[in-house]
Amino acid sequence: MWNYYVKNDAYRGYNLGIKVEDFVELLQSAITQENESRSSIDTISLEFRNITYDSTQMEQNIFTKSEEFRCEEEYRFVIEVPINHILPKEYIEKRFFIQGYRVGASGIITPYLEWKFTLDDKKRLFTKITLAPMIEKKLAMASFKRYLHKDVYQNIDIVPSKIKLRF
C-alpha cells in the first residue's frame, strides 16, 4: 500500500511485520507499570481491535471505516492518556511513554506517545521488515539493521518491496 502513503511522490519508509499478540502483551505490561505509579483517577487505558468496514455506519467511531478501505485489513490500538498525565522531564527516564506534540500538514497540533522499546522488545516483536520501493535498497537495509542492532535483526527477514520504482 505504498502508493496510498507517499508524500511528494517519494516512496520511503518501512513496513514493520510484528507479532500482534506479543505487541499487545508488551503494551499492556508497559501501561500497567506506568499506571502503578499514578493515582487510579488518571490511569492510561488501552483499547484495540480490528476495524469494522461499513459505509452505512460512519458515525464518530475510531474503529469504523468506509467499505472502500477493506483491503487494508487494519487493526487499531487506541491509548487514552488523561490530560493531567504529563510529567516533568526529570521523570522521563523512569517512564515507558513520553508524550509529545507535532504540527501536522493542516496546521493542527496533534499529541502523540513515544513508547520506549528495549532490545529485547525488538527481538520479540519484529518478524519481517519490508523496505519501501527505493533506489538505495542496500543503504536502507544497512541503516535499518544498524537501528535494530545486530542481536535483533539476525532473526528478522529484511526484504525490499516487490513494487517497482517509477520515475
N, C-alpha and C. Protein backbone atom coordinates (compact mmCIF):
# COMPACT_ATOMS: atom_id res chain seq x y z
N MET A 1 0.81 -1.20 0.00
CA MET A 1 0.00 0.00 0.00
C MET A 1 0.85 1.26 0.00
N TRP A 2 2.09 1.14 -0.50
CA TRP A 2 2.99 2.29 -0.52
C TRP A 2 2.35 3.47 -1.25
N ASN A 3 1.62 3.20 -2.32
CA ASN A 3 1.07 4.28 -3.12
C ASN A 3 0.04 5.11 -2.37
N TYR A 4 -0.55 4.60 -1.30
CA TYR A 4 -1.50 5.38 -0.51
C TYR A 4 -0.82 6.36 0.44
N TYR A 5 0.41 6.09 0.80
CA TYR A 5 1.04 6.85 1.87
C TYR A 5 2.30 7.61 1.46
N VAL A 6 2.53 7.78 0.19
CA VAL A 6 3.71 8.51 -0.26
C VAL A 6 3.49 10.00 -0.09
N LYS A 7 4.56 10.73 0.08
CA LYS A 7 4.49 12.19 0.20
C LYS A 7 5.39 12.79 -0.87
N ASN A 8 4.86 13.72 -1.61
CA ASN A 8 5.61 14.40 -2.66
C ASN A 8 6.21 13.40 -3.66
N ASP A 9 5.45 12.37 -4.00
CA ASP A 9 5.89 11.34 -4.94
C ASP A 9 7.17 10.62 -4.50
N ALA A 10 7.49 10.63 -3.23
CA ALA A 10 8.69 9.96 -2.73
C ALA A 10 8.29 8.72 -1.94
N TYR A 11 8.58 7.56 -2.48
CA TYR A 11 8.32 6.32 -1.77
C TYR A 11 9.42 6.16 -0.72
N ARG A 12 9.04 6.17 0.53
CA ARG A 12 10.04 5.98 1.57
C ARG A 12 9.36 5.41 2.81
N GLY A 13 10.13 4.66 3.54
CA GLY A 13 9.60 4.11 4.77
C GLY A 13 9.84 2.62 4.87
N TYR A 14 9.28 2.05 5.90
CA TYR A 14 9.45 0.64 6.20
C TYR A 14 8.12 0.08 6.66
N ASN A 15 7.83 -1.12 6.26
CA ASN A 15 6.66 -1.84 6.73
C ASN A 15 7.17 -2.81 7.78
N LEU A 16 6.71 -2.66 9.01
CA LEU A 16 7.19 -3.49 10.11
C LEU A 16 6.23 -4.65 10.36
N GLY A 17 6.71 -5.85 10.17
CA GLY A 17 5.92 -7.04 10.49
C GLY A 17 6.11 -7.37 11.95
N ILE A 18 5.02 -7.41 12.70
CA ILE A 18 5.12 -7.68 14.13
C ILE A 18 4.21 -8.84 14.53
N LYS A 19 4.50 -9.40 15.68
CA LYS A 19 3.64 -10.41 16.29
C LYS A 19 2.62 -9.64 17.14
N VAL A 20 1.39 -9.58 16.68
CA VAL A 20 0.38 -8.77 17.35
C VAL A 20 0.18 -9.19 18.80
N GLU A 21 0.16 -10.49 19.05
CA GLU A 21 -0.06 -10.97 20.43
C GLU A 21 1.04 -10.46 21.36
N ASP A 22 2.29 -10.53 20.90
CA ASP A 22 3.41 -10.04 21.72
C ASP A 22 3.34 -8.52 21.88
N PHE A 23 2.95 -7.82 20.81
CA PHE A 23 2.81 -6.38 20.88
C PHE A 23 1.78 -5.99 21.94
N VAL A 24 0.63 -6.65 21.92
CA VAL A 24 -0.42 -6.36 22.90
C VAL A 24 0.08 -6.64 24.31
N GLU A 25 0.75 -7.78 24.49
CA GLU A 25 1.24 -8.15 25.82
C GLU A 25 2.27 -7.13 26.34
N LEU A 26 3.21 -6.72 25.50
CA LEU A 26 4.21 -5.73 25.92
C LEU A 26 3.57 -4.37 26.20
N LEU A 27 2.64 -3.97 25.35
CA LEU A 27 1.96 -2.69 25.54
C LEU A 27 1.15 -2.69 26.82
N GLN A 28 0.40 -3.76 27.07
CA GLN A 28 -0.39 -3.85 28.30
C GLN A 28 0.50 -3.85 29.53
N SER A 29 1.63 -4.53 29.46
CA SER A 29 2.57 -4.56 30.58
C SER A 29 3.13 -3.16 30.85
N ALA A 30 3.51 -2.45 29.80
CA ALA A 30 4.05 -1.09 29.96
C ALA A 30 2.99 -0.16 30.55
N ILE A 31 1.75 -0.29 30.09
CA ILE A 31 0.67 0.55 30.62
C ILE A 31 0.41 0.22 32.09
N THR A 32 0.41 -1.05 32.42
CA THR A 32 0.20 -1.46 33.82
C THR A 32 1.28 -0.87 34.72
N GLN A 33 2.53 -0.98 34.30
CA GLN A 33 3.63 -0.45 35.10
C GLN A 33 3.56 1.08 35.20
N GLU A 34 3.19 1.72 34.11
CA GLU A 34 3.03 3.18 34.13
C GLU A 34 1.91 3.57 35.09
N ASN A 35 0.78 2.83 35.04
CA ASN A 35 -0.36 3.15 35.89
C ASN A 35 -0.09 2.91 37.37
N GLU A 36 0.78 1.95 37.68
CA GLU A 36 1.09 1.66 39.08
C GLU A 36 1.74 2.85 39.78
N SER A 37 2.35 3.73 39.01
CA SER A 37 3.00 4.89 39.60
C SER A 37 2.08 6.12 39.62
N ARG A 38 0.87 5.96 39.17
CA ARG A 38 -0.08 7.08 39.11
C ARG A 38 -1.29 6.80 40.00
N SER A 39 -2.10 7.81 40.24
CA SER A 39 -3.33 7.59 41.00
C SER A 39 -4.34 6.86 40.12
N SER A 40 -5.30 6.22 40.74
CA SER A 40 -6.29 5.45 39.98
C SER A 40 -7.20 6.35 39.15
N ILE A 41 -7.19 7.64 39.43
CA ILE A 41 -8.04 8.58 38.70
C ILE A 41 -7.49 8.88 37.31
N ASP A 42 -6.18 8.95 37.19
CA ASP A 42 -5.60 9.37 35.90
C ASP A 42 -4.77 8.27 35.24
N THR A 43 -5.36 7.09 35.13
CA THR A 43 -4.65 5.98 34.53
C THR A 43 -4.79 5.99 33.00
N ILE A 44 -3.82 5.37 32.36
CA ILE A 44 -3.83 5.21 30.91
C ILE A 44 -4.70 4.00 30.59
N SER A 45 -5.49 4.09 29.52
CA SER A 45 -6.31 2.94 29.12
C SER A 45 -5.97 2.54 27.68
N LEU A 46 -6.26 1.30 27.36
CA LEU A 46 -5.95 0.75 26.05
C LEU A 46 -7.16 0.03 25.50
N GLU A 47 -7.45 0.28 24.23
CA GLU A 47 -8.48 -0.46 23.51
C GLU A 47 -7.91 -0.83 22.16
N PHE A 48 -8.16 -2.05 21.71
CA PHE A 48 -7.63 -2.49 20.43
C PHE A 48 -8.57 -3.50 19.80
N ARG A 49 -8.68 -3.42 18.46
CA ARG A 49 -9.49 -4.40 17.73
C ARG A 49 -9.38 -4.15 16.23
N ASN A 50 -9.90 -5.10 15.47
CA ASN A 50 -9.94 -4.96 14.02
C ASN A 50 -10.92 -3.85 13.65
N ILE A 51 -10.64 -3.21 12.55
CA ILE A 51 -11.54 -2.19 12.03
C ILE A 51 -12.78 -2.87 11.46
N THR A 52 -13.95 -2.25 11.66
CA THR A 52 -15.19 -2.68 11.03
C THR A 52 -15.36 -1.81 9.78
N TYR A 53 -15.59 -2.45 8.65
CA TYR A 53 -15.76 -1.72 7.39
C TYR A 53 -17.24 -1.68 7.06
N ASP A 54 -17.82 -0.49 7.17
CA ASP A 54 -19.25 -0.33 6.94
C ASP A 54 -19.52 1.11 6.52
N SER A 55 -19.90 1.30 5.29
CA SER A 55 -20.14 2.65 4.77
C SER A 55 -21.43 3.26 5.30
N THR A 56 -22.33 2.46 5.86
CA THR A 56 -23.60 2.99 6.37
C THR A 56 -23.50 3.43 7.83
N GLN A 57 -22.47 3.00 8.53
CA GLN A 57 -22.31 3.30 9.96
C GLN A 57 -21.10 4.19 10.19
N MET A 58 -21.06 5.35 9.59
CA MET A 58 -19.86 6.19 9.66
C MET A 58 -19.95 7.30 10.72
N GLU A 59 -20.64 7.02 11.84
CA GLU A 59 -20.66 8.00 12.92
C GLU A 59 -19.26 8.10 13.53
N GLN A 60 -19.09 8.95 14.50
CA GLN A 60 -17.79 9.16 15.13
C GLN A 60 -17.34 7.90 15.87
N ASN A 61 -16.69 7.02 15.18
CA ASN A 61 -16.20 5.79 15.77
C ASN A 61 -14.82 5.51 15.21
N ILE A 62 -13.83 5.50 16.04
CA ILE A 62 -12.45 5.34 15.58
C ILE A 62 -12.17 3.93 15.05
N PHE A 63 -13.07 3.00 15.31
CA PHE A 63 -12.89 1.62 14.87
C PHE A 63 -13.75 1.26 13.65
N THR A 64 -14.29 2.26 12.98
CA THR A 64 -15.10 2.03 11.79
C THR A 64 -14.56 2.85 10.63
N LYS A 65 -14.45 2.21 9.47
CA LYS A 65 -14.03 2.90 8.25
C LYS A 65 -14.97 2.53 7.11
N SER A 66 -14.94 3.31 6.09
CA SER A 66 -15.75 3.05 4.91
C SER A 66 -15.34 1.73 4.25
N GLU A 67 -16.29 1.08 3.65
CA GLU A 67 -16.09 -0.21 2.98
C GLU A 67 -14.97 -0.17 1.95
N GLU A 68 -14.72 0.99 1.34
CA GLU A 68 -13.69 1.11 0.31
C GLU A 68 -12.29 0.78 0.82
N PHE A 69 -12.09 0.83 2.13
CA PHE A 69 -10.77 0.58 2.71
C PHE A 69 -10.58 -0.85 3.21
N ARG A 70 -11.51 -1.74 2.91
CA ARG A 70 -11.45 -3.11 3.42
C ARG A 70 -10.13 -3.81 3.10
N CYS A 71 -9.54 -3.52 1.94
CA CYS A 71 -8.29 -4.19 1.54
C CYS A 71 -7.15 -3.91 2.52
N GLU A 72 -7.26 -2.88 3.34
CA GLU A 72 -6.21 -2.55 4.30
C GLU A 72 -6.12 -3.55 5.45
N GLU A 73 -7.23 -4.22 5.76
CA GLU A 73 -7.27 -5.17 6.88
C GLU A 73 -6.65 -4.55 8.13
N GLU A 74 -7.10 -3.37 8.47
CA GLU A 74 -6.49 -2.57 9.54
C GLU A 74 -6.88 -3.05 10.94
N TYR A 75 -5.93 -2.90 11.84
CA TYR A 75 -6.09 -3.21 13.25
C TYR A 75 -5.65 -1.96 13.99
N ARG A 76 -6.44 -1.46 14.92
CA ARG A 76 -6.09 -0.21 15.60
C ARG A 76 -5.91 -0.41 17.10
N PHE A 77 -4.96 0.37 17.61
CA PHE A 77 -4.69 0.45 19.04
C PHE A 77 -4.96 1.89 19.45
N VAL A 78 -5.79 2.08 20.46
CA VAL A 78 -6.09 3.42 20.94
C VAL A 78 -5.67 3.48 22.40
N ILE A 79 -4.73 4.37 22.69
CA ILE A 79 -4.26 4.57 24.06
C ILE A 79 -4.79 5.92 24.51
N GLU A 80 -5.55 5.91 25.58
CA GLU A 80 -6.09 7.15 26.12
C GLU A 80 -5.27 7.57 27.34
N VAL A 81 -4.71 8.76 27.24
CA VAL A 81 -3.88 9.30 28.31
C VAL A 81 -4.59 10.52 28.90
N PRO A 82 -4.86 10.51 30.20
CA PRO A 82 -5.51 11.66 30.83
C PRO A 82 -4.67 12.93 30.64
N ILE A 83 -5.32 14.05 30.55
CA ILE A 83 -4.63 15.31 30.28
C ILE A 83 -3.65 15.66 31.41
N ASN A 84 -3.90 15.21 32.62
CA ASN A 84 -3.01 15.51 33.74
C ASN A 84 -1.89 14.48 33.89
N HIS A 85 -1.67 13.67 32.87
CA HIS A 85 -0.63 12.64 32.92
C HIS A 85 0.73 13.17 32.47
N ILE A 86 0.79 14.40 32.01
CA ILE A 86 2.05 14.97 31.54
C ILE A 86 2.99 15.16 32.73
N LEU A 87 4.24 14.72 32.56
CA LEU A 87 5.20 14.75 33.64
C LEU A 87 6.38 15.66 33.32
N PRO A 88 7.03 16.19 34.35
CA PRO A 88 8.26 16.97 34.11
C PRO A 88 9.34 16.10 33.47
N LYS A 89 10.25 16.72 32.74
CA LYS A 89 11.29 15.99 32.01
C LYS A 89 12.16 15.12 32.92
N GLU A 90 12.36 15.49 34.17
CA GLU A 90 13.23 14.70 35.03
C GLU A 90 12.67 13.31 35.32
N TYR A 91 11.39 13.10 35.05
CA TYR A 91 10.79 11.79 35.27
C TYR A 91 10.78 10.92 34.01
N ILE A 92 11.16 11.45 32.90
CA ILE A 92 11.05 10.74 31.62
C ILE A 92 11.84 9.43 31.62
N GLU A 93 13.04 9.40 32.21
CA GLU A 93 13.85 8.19 32.20
C GLU A 93 13.14 7.02 32.87
N LYS A 94 12.24 7.32 33.79
CA LYS A 94 11.56 6.27 34.54
C LYS A 94 10.26 5.84 33.88
N ARG A 95 9.90 6.45 32.78
CA ARG A 95 8.62 6.19 32.14
C ARG A 95 8.75 5.33 30.90
N PHE A 96 7.68 4.62 30.59
CA PHE A 96 7.62 3.84 29.36
C PHE A 96 7.12 4.70 28.20
N PHE A 97 6.32 5.71 28.52
CA PHE A 97 5.72 6.55 27.49
C PHE A 97 6.14 8.01 27.69
N ILE A 98 6.44 8.65 26.59
CA ILE A 98 6.76 10.09 26.61
C ILE A 98 5.76 10.77 25.71
N GLN A 99 5.04 11.74 26.24
CA GLN A 99 4.06 12.45 25.43
C GLN A 99 4.73 13.60 24.71
N GLY A 100 4.42 13.73 23.43
CA GLY A 100 4.94 14.83 22.63
C GLY A 100 3.84 15.41 21.77
N TYR A 101 4.19 16.44 21.01
CA TYR A 101 3.24 17.09 20.12
C TYR A 101 3.93 17.38 18.79
N ARG A 102 3.18 17.30 17.71
CA ARG A 102 3.71 17.68 16.40
C ARG A 102 2.63 18.45 15.66
N VAL A 103 3.08 19.30 14.74
CA VAL A 103 2.17 20.07 13.91
C VAL A 103 2.01 19.35 12.59
N GLY A 104 0.78 18.99 12.26
CA GLY A 104 0.50 18.27 11.03
C GLY A 104 0.48 19.20 9.83
N ALA A 105 0.33 18.61 8.65
CA ALA A 105 0.32 19.39 7.40
C ALA A 105 -0.81 20.41 7.39
N SER A 106 -1.90 20.12 8.09
CA SER A 106 -3.04 21.05 8.12
C SER A 106 -2.86 22.14 9.17
N GLY A 107 -1.77 22.06 9.95
CA GLY A 107 -1.52 23.06 10.98
C GLY A 107 -2.09 22.71 12.34
N ILE A 108 -2.74 21.57 12.46
CA ILE A 108 -3.33 21.15 13.73
C ILE A 108 -2.25 20.50 14.60
N ILE A 109 -2.21 20.89 15.86
CA ILE A 109 -1.26 20.31 16.81
C ILE A 109 -1.84 18.98 17.29
N THR A 110 -1.07 17.92 17.12
CA THR A 110 -1.53 16.58 17.45
C THR A 110 -0.66 15.97 18.54
N PRO A 111 -1.27 15.49 19.62
CA PRO A 111 -0.48 14.81 20.65
C PRO A 111 -0.12 13.40 20.19
N TYR A 112 1.01 12.89 20.66
CA TYR A 112 1.39 11.51 20.37
C TYR A 112 2.14 10.96 21.56
N LEU A 113 2.24 9.64 21.62
CA LEU A 113 3.00 8.96 22.67
C LEU A 113 4.19 8.27 22.03
N GLU A 114 5.34 8.46 22.61
CA GLU A 114 6.52 7.73 22.20
C GLU A 114 6.71 6.62 23.22
N TRP A 115 6.81 5.39 22.73
CA TRP A 115 6.94 4.23 23.60
C TRP A 115 8.38 3.76 23.54
N LYS A 116 9.03 3.67 24.68
CA LYS A 116 10.43 3.23 24.72
C LYS A 116 10.50 1.71 24.57
N PHE A 117 11.14 1.25 23.48
CA PHE A 117 11.36 -0.17 23.24
C PHE A 117 12.76 -0.55 23.71
N THR A 118 12.90 -1.72 24.27
CA THR A 118 14.23 -2.23 24.61
C THR A 118 14.68 -3.16 23.48
N LEU A 119 15.95 -3.54 23.49
CA LEU A 119 16.43 -4.50 22.50
C LEU A 119 15.67 -5.82 22.60
N ASP A 120 15.37 -6.25 23.80
CA ASP A 120 14.61 -7.49 23.96
C ASP A 120 13.21 -7.36 23.37
N ASP A 121 12.59 -6.17 23.51
CA ASP A 121 11.27 -5.94 22.91
C ASP A 121 11.36 -6.07 21.40
N LYS A 122 12.39 -5.49 20.80
CA LYS A 122 12.55 -5.54 19.34
C LYS A 122 12.76 -6.97 18.87
N LYS A 123 13.56 -7.74 19.61
CA LYS A 123 13.79 -9.14 19.26
C LYS A 123 12.47 -9.92 19.26
N ARG A 124 11.68 -9.63 20.24
CA ARG A 124 10.43 -10.35 20.43
C ARG A 124 9.35 -9.95 19.41
N LEU A 125 9.29 -8.67 19.09
CA LEU A 125 8.19 -8.16 18.28
C LEU A 125 8.35 -8.32 16.78
N PHE A 126 9.48 -7.91 16.25
CA PHE A 126 9.63 -7.80 14.80
C PHE A 126 9.86 -9.16 14.15
N THR A 127 9.10 -9.44 13.10
CA THR A 127 9.25 -10.69 12.37
C THR A 127 9.76 -10.45 10.95
N LYS A 128 9.42 -9.30 10.38
CA LYS A 128 9.79 -9.01 9.00
C LYS A 128 9.79 -7.50 8.79
N ILE A 129 10.74 -7.02 8.01
CA ILE A 129 10.81 -5.60 7.65
C ILE A 129 10.80 -5.54 6.13
N THR A 130 9.86 -4.78 5.57
CA THR A 130 9.82 -4.59 4.12
C THR A 130 10.19 -3.14 3.83
N LEU A 131 11.20 -2.95 2.99
CA LEU A 131 11.63 -1.61 2.60
C LEU A 131 10.69 -1.06 1.54
N ALA A 132 10.44 0.23 1.58
CA ALA A 132 9.65 0.88 0.53
C ALA A 132 10.38 0.76 -0.80
N PRO A 133 9.68 0.89 -1.92
CA PRO A 133 10.37 0.90 -3.21
C PRO A 133 11.34 2.08 -3.23
N MET A 134 12.61 1.83 -3.49
CA MET A 134 13.62 2.89 -3.49
C MET A 134 14.85 2.47 -4.27
N ILE A 135 15.65 3.44 -4.62
CA ILE A 135 16.88 3.18 -5.37
C ILE A 135 17.95 2.62 -4.45
N GLU A 136 18.13 3.21 -3.29
CA GLU A 136 19.20 2.86 -2.35
C GLU A 136 18.80 1.73 -1.40
N LYS A 137 18.42 0.59 -1.96
CA LYS A 137 17.95 -0.54 -1.14
C LYS A 137 19.02 -1.04 -0.18
N LYS A 138 20.25 -1.17 -0.65
CA LYS A 138 21.32 -1.70 0.20
C LYS A 138 21.61 -0.75 1.37
N LEU A 139 21.65 0.54 1.08
CA LEU A 139 21.90 1.53 2.14
C LEU A 139 20.74 1.52 3.15
N ALA A 140 19.51 1.45 2.65
CA ALA A 140 18.35 1.42 3.54
C ALA A 140 18.38 0.18 4.43
N MET A 141 18.73 -0.96 3.84
CA MET A 141 18.78 -2.20 4.61
C MET A 141 19.88 -2.11 5.67
N ALA A 142 21.04 -1.59 5.29
CA ALA A 142 22.15 -1.48 6.25
C ALA A 142 21.81 -0.53 7.39
N SER A 143 21.16 0.58 7.08
CA SER A 143 20.83 1.54 8.15
C SER A 143 19.77 0.98 9.09
N PHE A 144 18.83 0.23 8.53
CA PHE A 144 17.81 -0.35 9.40
C PHE A 144 18.40 -1.43 10.29
N LYS A 145 19.32 -2.21 9.75
CA LYS A 145 19.99 -3.22 10.58
C LYS A 145 20.76 -2.55 11.71
N ARG A 146 21.38 -1.44 11.41
CA ARG A 146 22.12 -0.72 12.45
C ARG A 146 21.16 -0.21 13.52
N TYR A 147 20.01 0.27 13.09
CA TYR A 147 18.99 0.74 14.03
C TYR A 147 18.53 -0.39 14.95
N LEU A 148 18.29 -1.55 14.37
CA LEU A 148 17.79 -2.67 15.17
C LEU A 148 18.83 -3.28 16.08
N HIS A 149 20.09 -3.24 15.70
CA HIS A 149 21.19 -3.81 16.45
C HIS A 149 21.40 -5.25 15.99
N LYS A 150 22.63 -5.65 15.92
CA LYS A 150 23.00 -6.97 15.39
C LYS A 150 22.23 -8.11 16.06
N ASP A 151 22.08 -8.06 17.37
CA ASP A 151 21.41 -9.15 18.08
C ASP A 151 19.94 -9.28 17.71
N VAL A 152 19.37 -8.20 17.20
CA VAL A 152 17.94 -8.21 16.88
C VAL A 152 17.68 -8.68 15.46
N TYR A 153 18.36 -8.11 14.48
CA TYR A 153 17.99 -8.36 13.09
C TYR A 153 18.39 -9.74 12.57
N GLN A 154 19.20 -10.47 13.29
CA GLN A 154 19.61 -11.80 12.82
C GLN A 154 18.43 -12.73 12.58
N ASN A 155 17.35 -12.55 13.32
CA ASN A 155 16.18 -13.41 13.18
C ASN A 155 15.02 -12.74 12.46
N ILE A 156 15.27 -11.61 11.83
CA ILE A 156 14.23 -10.87 11.13
C ILE A 156 14.51 -10.90 9.64
N ASP A 157 13.49 -11.19 8.87
CA ASP A 157 13.60 -11.19 7.42
C ASP A 157 13.47 -9.74 6.94
N ILE A 158 14.54 -9.16 6.38
CA ILE A 158 14.51 -7.80 5.86
C ILE A 158 14.55 -7.88 4.34
N VAL A 159 13.48 -7.41 3.70
CA VAL A 159 13.34 -7.57 2.26
C VAL A 159 12.92 -6.26 1.60
N PRO A 160 13.30 -6.07 0.33
CA PRO A 160 12.82 -4.88 -0.40
C PRO A 160 11.40 -5.12 -0.89
N SER A 161 10.65 -4.06 -1.10
CA SER A 161 9.31 -4.17 -1.65
C SER A 161 9.39 -4.76 -3.06
N LYS A 162 8.38 -5.50 -3.44
CA LYS A 162 8.34 -6.08 -4.79
C LYS A 162 7.79 -5.08 -5.80
N ILE A 163 7.27 -3.95 -5.31
CA ILE A 163 6.74 -2.94 -6.21
C ILE A 163 7.91 -2.23 -6.90
N LYS A 164 7.80 -2.07 -8.20
CA LYS A 164 8.87 -1.40 -8.98
C LYS A 164 8.77 0.10 -8.78
N LEU A 165 9.93 0.72 -8.68
CA LEU A 165 10.02 2.17 -8.52
C LEU A 165 9.83 2.82 -9.88
N ARG A 166 8.98 3.85 -9.95
CA ARG A 166 8.72 4.55 -11.20
C ARG A 166 9.20 5.99 -11.11
N PHE A 167 9.64 6.52 -12.23
CA PHE A 167 10.07 7.92 -12.28
C PHE A 167 9.18 8.70 -13.21
